[in-house]
């Protein structure tokens, strides 16, 4: 298991960063439910 984490850890972290970036730059379609973003995610905003 540890070998798998070492091998694919970079890919998983890059995927998490990409998903967070997409989430910061998008708004929820439902008015009442906008999930709370993690600390530091505001730095990834494009506008």
PDB file of N, CA and C in Angstrom:
ATOM      1  N   UNK A   1       0.830  -1.194   0.000  1.00  0.00           N
ATOM      2  CA  UNK A   1       0.000   0.000   0.000  1.00  0.00           C
ATOM      3  C   UNK A   1       0.869   1.251   0.000  1.00  0.00           C
ATOM      4  N   UNK A   2       1.928   1.237   0.784  1.00  0.00           N
ATOM      5  CA  UNK A   2       2.809   2.398   0.868  1.00  0.00           C
ATOM      6  C   UNK A   2       3.478   2.680  -0.476  1.00  0.00           C
ATOM      7  N   UNK A   3       3.837   1.637  -1.187  1.00  0.00           N
ATOM      8  CA  UNK A   3       4.450   1.788  -2.502  1.00  0.00           C
ATOM      9  C   UNK A   3       3.496   2.479  -3.470  1.00  0.00           C
ATOM     10  N   UNK A   4       2.212   2.129  -3.399  1.00  0.00           N
ATOM     11  CA  UNK A   4       1.192   2.727  -4.260  1.00  0.00           C
ATOM     12  C   UNK A   4       1.037   4.204  -3.952  1.00  0.00           C
ATOM     13  N   UNK A   5       1.051   4.572  -2.671  1.00  0.00           N
ATOM     14  CA  UNK A   5       0.917   5.968  -2.264  1.00  0.00           C
ATOM     15  C   UNK A   5       2.112   6.780  -2.740  1.00  0.00           C
ATOM     16  N   UNK A   6       3.287   6.236  -2.633  1.00  0.00           N
ATOM     17  CA  UNK A   6       4.489   6.940  -3.096  1.00  0.00           C
ATOM     18  C   UNK A   6       4.460   7.106  -4.608  1.00  0.00           C
ATOM     19  N   UNK A   7       3.997   6.107  -5.321  1.00  0.00           N
ATOM     20  CA  UNK A   7       3.983   6.143  -6.778  1.00  0.00           C
ATOM     21  C   UNK A   7       2.949   7.132  -7.330  1.00  0.00           C
ATOM     22  N   UNK A   8       1.755   7.171  -6.745  1.00  0.00           N
ATOM     23  CA  UNK A   8       0.667   7.979  -7.285  1.00  0.00           C
ATOM     24  C   UNK A   8       0.330   9.196  -6.426  1.00  0.00           C
ATOM     25  N   UNK A   9       1.119   9.510  -5.417  1.00  0.00           N
ATOM     26  CA  UNK A   9       0.841  10.643  -4.545  1.00  0.00           C
ATOM     27  C   UNK A   9       0.860  11.967  -5.276  1.00  0.00           C
ATOM     28  N   UNK A  10       1.782  12.160  -6.197  1.00  0.00           N
ATOM     29  CA  UNK A  10       1.857  13.396  -6.970  1.00  0.00           C
ATOM     30  C   UNK A  10       0.652  13.589  -7.872  1.00  0.00           C
ATOM     31  N   UNK A  11       0.184  12.512  -8.451  1.00  0.00           N
ATOM     32  CA  UNK A  11      -0.983  12.583  -9.328  1.00  0.00           C
ATOM     33  C   UNK A  11      -2.229  12.938  -8.525  1.00  0.00           C
ATOM     34  N   UNK A  12      -2.375  12.333  -7.371  1.00  0.00           N
ATOM     35  CA  UNK A  12      -3.537  12.596  -6.532  1.00  0.00           C
ATOM     36  C   UNK A  12      -3.522  14.034  -6.028  1.00  0.00           C
ATOM     37  N   UNK A  13      -2.366  14.539  -5.624  1.00  0.00           N
ATOM     38  CA  UNK A  13      -2.300  15.919  -5.140  1.00  0.00           C
ATOM     39  C   UNK A  13      -2.546  16.916  -6.274  1.00  0.00           C
ATOM     40  N   UNK A  14      -2.061  16.643  -7.467  1.00  0.00           N
ATOM     41  CA  UNK A  14      -2.327  17.523  -8.606  1.00  0.00           C
ATOM     42  C   UNK A  14      -3.809  17.517  -8.965  1.00  0.00           C
ATOM     43  N   UNK A  15      -4.441  16.369  -8.890  1.00  0.00           N
ATOM     44  CA  UNK A  15      -5.874  16.274  -9.157  1.00  0.00           C
ATOM     45  C   UNK A  15      -6.675  17.040  -8.110  1.00  0.00           C
ATOM     46  N   UNK A  16      -6.275  16.959  -6.853  1.00  0.00           N
ATOM     47  CA  UNK A  16      -6.965  17.692  -5.794  1.00  0.00           C
ATOM     48  C   UNK A  16      -6.814  19.198  -5.996  1.00  0.00           C
ATOM     49  N   UNK A  17      -5.640  19.652  -6.400  1.00  0.00           N
ATOM     50  CA  UNK A  17      -5.425  21.071  -6.665  1.00  0.00           C
ATOM     51  C   UNK A  17      -6.276  21.543  -7.835  1.00  0.00           C
ATOM     52  N   UNK A  18      -6.381  20.734  -8.892  1.00  0.00           N
ATOM     53  CA  UNK A  18      -7.187  21.099 -10.050  1.00  0.00           C
ATOM     54  C   UNK A  18      -8.676  21.172  -9.687  1.00  0.00           C
ATOM     55  N   UNK A  19      -9.155  20.233  -8.901  1.00  0.00           N
ATOM     56  CA  UNK A  19     -10.555  20.244  -8.496  1.00  0.00           C
ATOM     57  C   UNK A  19     -10.844  21.441  -7.603  1.00  0.00           C
ATOM     58  N   UNK A  20      -9.925  21.778  -6.703  1.00  0.00           N
ATOM     59  CA  UNK A  20     -10.107  22.952  -5.844  1.00  0.00           C
ATOM     60  C   UNK A  20     -10.127  24.222  -6.662  1.00  0.00           C
ATOM     61  N   UNK A  21      -9.254  24.335  -7.653  1.00  0.00           N
ATOM     62  CA  UNK A  21      -9.223  25.518  -8.510  1.00  0.00           C
ATOM     63  C   UNK A  21     -10.531  25.664  -9.284  1.00  0.00           C
ATOM     64  N   UNK A  22     -11.043  24.580  -9.807  1.00  0.00           N
ATOM     65  CA  UNK A  22     -12.319  24.631 -10.514  1.00  0.00           C
ATOM     66  C   UNK A  22     -13.465  25.005  -9.576  1.00  0.00           C
ATOM     67  N   UNK A  23     -13.413  24.518  -8.348  1.00  0.00           N
ATOM     68  CA  UNK A  23     -14.462  24.793  -7.378  1.00  0.00           C
ATOM     69  C   UNK A  23     -14.438  26.250  -6.924  1.00  0.00           C
ATOM     70  N   UNK A  24     -13.276  26.842  -6.796  1.00  0.00           N
ATOM     71  CA  UNK A  24     -13.160  28.241  -6.366  1.00  0.00           C
ATOM     72  C   UNK A  24     -13.733  29.163  -7.430  1.00  0.00           C
ATOM     73  N   UNK A  25     -13.544  28.845  -8.683  1.00  0.00           N
ATOM     74  CA  UNK A  25     -13.969  29.712  -9.769  1.00  0.00           C
ATOM     75  C   UNK A  25     -15.397  29.442 -10.254  1.00  0.00           C
ATOM     76  N   UNK A  26     -16.123  28.599  -9.568  1.00  0.00           N
ATOM     77  CA  UNK A  26     -17.504  28.288  -9.963  1.00  0.00           C
ATOM     78  C   UNK A  26     -18.433  28.529  -8.782  1.00  0.00           C
ATOM     79  N   UNK A  27     -19.654  28.847  -9.086  1.00  0.00           N
ATOM     80  CA  UNK A  27     -20.670  29.014  -8.054  1.00  0.00           C
ATOM     81  C   UNK A  27     -21.632  27.833  -8.118  1.00  0.00           C
ATOM     82  N   UNK A  28     -22.214  27.523  -7.008  1.00  0.00           N
ATOM     83  CA  UNK A  28     -23.178  26.437  -6.936  1.00  0.00           C
ATOM     84  C   UNK A  28     -24.466  26.856  -7.639  1.00  0.00           C
ATOM     85  N   UNK A  29     -25.103  25.928  -8.327  1.00  0.00           N
ATOM     86  CA  UNK A  29     -26.333  26.246  -9.041  1.00  0.00           C
ATOM     87  C   UNK A  29     -27.515  26.391  -8.090  1.00  0.00           C
ATOM     88  N   UNK A  30     -27.429  25.815  -6.917  1.00  0.00           N
ATOM     89  CA  UNK A  30     -28.491  25.935  -5.926  1.00  0.00           C
ATOM     90  C   UNK A  30     -28.194  27.131  -5.036  1.00  0.00           C
ATOM     91  N   UNK A  31     -29.159  27.979  -4.848  1.00  0.00           N
ATOM     92  CA  UNK A  31     -28.960  29.225  -4.120  1.00  0.00           C
ATOM     93  C   UNK A  31     -28.589  28.993  -2.653  1.00  0.00           C
ATOM     94  N   UNK A  32     -29.199  28.016  -2.032  1.00  0.00           N
ATOM     95  CA  UNK A  32     -29.038  27.826  -0.590  1.00  0.00           C
ATOM     96  C   UNK A  32     -27.828  26.974  -0.212  1.00  0.00           C
ATOM     97  N   UNK A  33     -27.174  26.362  -1.158  1.00  0.00           N
ATOM     98  CA  UNK A  33     -26.083  25.450  -0.792  1.00  0.00           C
ATOM     99  C   UNK A  33     -24.803  25.809  -1.529  1.00  0.00           C
ATOM    100  N   UNK A  34     -23.989  26.632  -0.922  1.00  0.00           N
ATOM    101  CA  UNK A  34     -22.659  26.914  -1.436  1.00  0.00           C
ATOM    102  C   UNK A  34     -21.673  26.339  -0.423  1.00  0.00           C
ATOM    103  N   UNK A  35     -20.981  25.250  -0.752  1.00  0.00           N
ATOM    104  CA  UNK A  35     -20.106  24.620   0.234  1.00  0.00           C
ATOM    105  C   UNK A  35     -18.968  25.535   0.663  1.00  0.00           C
ATOM    106  N   UNK A  36     -18.538  25.385   1.898  1.00  0.00           N
ATOM    107  CA  UNK A  36     -17.450  26.196   2.437  1.00  0.00           C
ATOM    108  C   UNK A  36     -16.130  25.714   1.841  1.00  0.00           C
ATOM    109  N   UNK A  37     -15.302  26.650   1.412  1.00  0.00           N
ATOM    110  CA  UNK A  37     -14.021  26.321   0.804  1.00  0.00           C
ATOM    111  C   UNK A  37     -12.937  26.214   1.868  1.00  0.00           C
ATOM    112  N   UNK A  38     -11.900  25.431   1.608  1.00  0.00           N
ATOM    113  CA  UNK A  38     -10.807  25.324   2.566  1.00  0.00           C
ATOM    114  C   UNK A  38     -10.017  26.638   2.663  1.00  0.00           C
ATOM    115  N   UNK A  39      -9.302  26.801   3.780  1.00  0.00           N
ATOM    116  CA  UNK A  39      -8.466  27.991   3.957  1.00  0.00           C
ATOM    117  C   UNK A  39      -7.392  28.045   2.881  1.00  0.00           C
ATOM    118  N   UNK A  40      -7.165  29.213   2.327  1.00  0.00           N
ATOM    119  CA  UNK A  40      -6.149  29.397   1.303  1.00  0.00           C
ATOM    120  C   UNK A  40      -6.645  29.171  -0.113  1.00  0.00           C
ATOM    121  N   UNK A  41      -7.882  28.743  -0.269  1.00  0.00           N
ATOM    122  CA  UNK A  41      -8.410  28.482  -1.609  1.00  0.00           C
ATOM    123  C   UNK A  41      -8.666  29.786  -2.364  1.00  0.00           C
ATOM    124  N   UNK A  42      -8.807  30.907  -1.645  1.00  0.00           N
ATOM    125  CA  UNK A  42      -9.054  32.187  -2.310  1.00  0.00           C
ATOM    126  C   UNK A  42      -7.869  32.613  -3.179  1.00  0.00           C
ATOM    127  N   UNK A  43      -6.692  32.113  -2.878  1.00  0.00           N
ATOM    128  CA  UNK A  43      -5.498  32.461  -3.677  1.00  0.00           C
ATOM    129  C   UNK A  43      -5.583  31.905  -5.102  1.00  0.00           C
ATOM    130  N   UNK A  44      -6.429  30.910  -5.320  1.00  0.00           N
ATOM    131  CA  UNK A  44      -6.537  30.262  -6.626  1.00  0.00           C
ATOM    132  C   UNK A  44      -7.558  30.930  -7.537  1.00  0.00           C
ATOM    133  N   UNK A  45      -8.223  31.988  -7.067  1.00  0.00           N
ATOM    134  CA  UNK A  45      -9.250  32.660  -7.885  1.00  0.00           C
ATOM    135  C   UNK A  45      -8.630  33.311  -9.096  1.00  0.00           C
ATOM    136  N   UNK A  46      -9.341  33.291 -10.204  1.00  0.00           N
ATOM    137  CA  UNK A  46      -8.858  33.873 -11.447  1.00  0.00           C
ATOM    138  C   UNK A  46      -9.456  35.235 -11.714  1.00  0.00           C
ATOM    139  N   UNK A  47     -10.374  35.717 -10.865  1.00  0.00           N
ATOM    140  CA  UNK A  47     -10.982  37.016 -11.083  1.00  0.00           C
ATOM    141  C   UNK A  47     -10.928  37.840  -9.840  1.00  0.00           C
TER     142      UNK A  47
END
